[in-house]
Amino acid sequence: MGYRPDGELGESVNEIWNQPAHNWLGDTYSTHVNPVFWKLHGWVDDRIDDWKRVNRAENYQWKGT
């Protein structure tokens, strides 16, 4: 399907981009409906927890962007 075109603020999104078939990881509008995203997100969270554990930084607060 490709990228969803950028719309103007307040403009309605064309319904084609809200269809379940549009779940491409490359488009931030639809990433969250792709099941691979959640598996990848969980894996990254686990690696952060591993880093905090081995560095004894369980209460570490991330800073910056």
C-alpha atoms as a PDB file:
ATOM      1  CA  MET A   1       0.000   0.000   0.000  1.00  0.00           C
ATOM      2  CA  GLY A   2       2.803   2.444   0.711  1.00  0.00           C
ATOM      3  CA  TYR A   3       2.920   5.585   2.778  1.00  0.00           C
ATOM      4  CA  ARG A   4      -0.194   7.443   3.843  1.00  0.00           C
ATOM      5  CA  PRO A   5      -0.031  10.958   2.373  1.00  0.00           C
ATOM      6  CA  ASP A   6       0.398  13.781   4.843  1.00  0.00           C
ATOM      7  CA  GLY A   7      -2.818  15.674   5.325  1.00  0.00           C
ATOM      8  CA  GLU A   8      -3.539  19.105   6.668  1.00  0.00           C
ATOM      9  CA  LEU A   9      -4.204  19.469  10.381  1.00  0.00           C
ATOM     10  CA  GLY A  10      -7.857  18.664  11.036  1.00  0.00           C
ATOM     11  CA  GLU A  11      -8.315  17.002   7.651  1.00  0.00           C
ATOM     12  CA  SER A  12     -10.085  13.635   7.672  1.00  0.00           C
ATOM     13  CA  VAL A  13      -7.994  10.591   6.841  1.00  0.00           C
ATOM     14  CA  ASN A  14      -9.105   8.657   3.768  1.00  0.00           C
ATOM     15  CA  GLU A  15     -10.769   5.449   4.958  1.00  0.00           C
ATOM     16  CA  ILE A  16      -8.419   3.297   2.850  1.00  0.00           C
ATOM     17  CA  TRP A  17      -5.646   4.005   5.391  1.00  0.00           C
ATOM     18  CA  ASN A  18      -7.826   2.749   8.251  1.00  0.00           C
ATOM     19  CA  GLN A  19      -8.263  -0.716   6.739  1.00  0.00           C
ATOM     20  CA  PRO A  20      -6.651  -3.713   8.502  1.00  0.00           C
ATOM     21  CA  ALA A  21      -4.578  -4.434   5.380  1.00  0.00           C
ATOM     22  CA  HIS A  22      -2.674  -1.180   5.950  1.00  0.00           C
ATOM     23  CA  ASN A  23      -0.463  -2.308   8.821  1.00  0.00           C
ATOM     24  CA  TRP A  24       2.933  -1.446   7.373  1.00  0.00           C
ATOM     25  CA  LEU A  25       5.783  -0.996   9.879  1.00  0.00           C
ATOM     26  CA  GLY A  26       7.202   1.870   7.808  1.00  0.00           C
ATOM     27  CA  ASP A  27       4.217   4.157   8.385  1.00  0.00           C
ATOM     28  CA  THR A  28       3.862   5.544  11.913  1.00  0.00           C
ATOM     29  CA  TYR A  29       0.112   5.943  11.360  1.00  0.00           C
ATOM     30  CA  SER A  30      -0.406   2.182  11.153  1.00  0.00           C
ATOM     31  CA  THR A  31       2.589   0.621  12.904  1.00  0.00           C
ATOM     32  CA  HIS A  32       0.664  -0.115  16.099  1.00  0.00           C
ATOM     33  CA  VAL A  33      -1.745  -2.491  14.331  1.00  0.00           C
ATOM     34  CA  ASN A  34       1.041  -4.680  12.957  1.00  0.00           C
ATOM     35  CA  PRO A  35       1.574  -7.758  15.176  1.00  0.00           C
ATOM     36  CA  VAL A  36       5.316  -7.739  14.441  1.00  0.00           C
ATOM     37  CA  PHE A  37       5.540  -4.258  15.988  1.00  0.00           C
ATOM     38  CA  TRP A  38       4.418  -5.541  19.383  1.00  0.00           C
ATOM     39  CA  LYS A  39       6.824  -8.485  19.298  1.00  0.00           C
ATOM     40  CA  LEU A  40       9.678  -6.152  18.369  1.00  0.00           C
ATOM     41  CA  HIS A  41       8.618  -3.603  20.982  1.00  0.00           C
ATOM     42  CA  GLY A  42       8.529  -6.315  23.653  1.00  0.00           C
ATOM     43  CA  TRP A  43      11.976  -7.566  22.619  1.00  0.00           C
ATOM     44  CA  VAL A  44      13.429  -4.042  22.908  1.00  0.00           C
ATOM     45  CA  ASP A  45      11.796  -3.585  26.331  1.00  0.00           C
ATOM     46  CA  ASP A  46      13.359  -6.876  27.461  1.00  0.00           C
ATOM     47  CA  ARG A  47      16.820  -5.739  26.296  1.00  0.00           C
ATOM     48  CA  ILE A  48      16.430  -2.494  28.268  1.00  0.00           C
ATOM     49  CA  ASP A  49      15.467  -4.504  31.350  1.00  0.00           C
ATOM     50  CA  ASP A  50      18.506  -6.751  30.800  1.00  0.00           C
ATOM     51  CA  TRP A  51      20.779  -3.701  30.565  1.00  0.00           C
ATOM     52  CA  LYS A  52      19.315  -2.235  33.738  1.00  0.00           C
ATOM     53  CA  ARG A  53      19.725  -5.543  35.574  1.00  0.00           C
ATOM     54  CA  VAL A  54      23.380  -6.189  34.608  1.00  0.00           C
ATOM     55  CA  ASN A  55      24.284  -2.567  35.345  1.00  0.00           C
ATOM     56  CA  ARG A  56      22.416  -2.603  38.660  1.00  0.00           C
ATOM     57  CA  ALA A  57      20.401   0.364  37.463  1.00  0.00           C
ATOM     58  CA  GLU A  58      16.860  -0.818  38.183  1.00  0.00           C
ATOM     59  CA  ASN A  59      15.782   2.718  39.174  1.00  0.00           C
ATOM     60  CA  TYR A  60      17.533   4.418  36.249  1.00  0.00           C
ATOM     61  CA  GLN A  61      15.420   7.163  34.651  1.00  0.00           C
ATOM     62  CA  TRP A  62      16.035   7.709  30.927  1.00  0.00           C
ATOM     63  CA  LYS A  63      16.844  11.302  29.979  1.00  0.00           C
ATOM     64  CA  GLY A  64      16.753  13.150  26.695  1.00  0.00           C
ATOM     65  CA  THR A  65      14.895  12.402  23.510  1.00  0.00           C
END
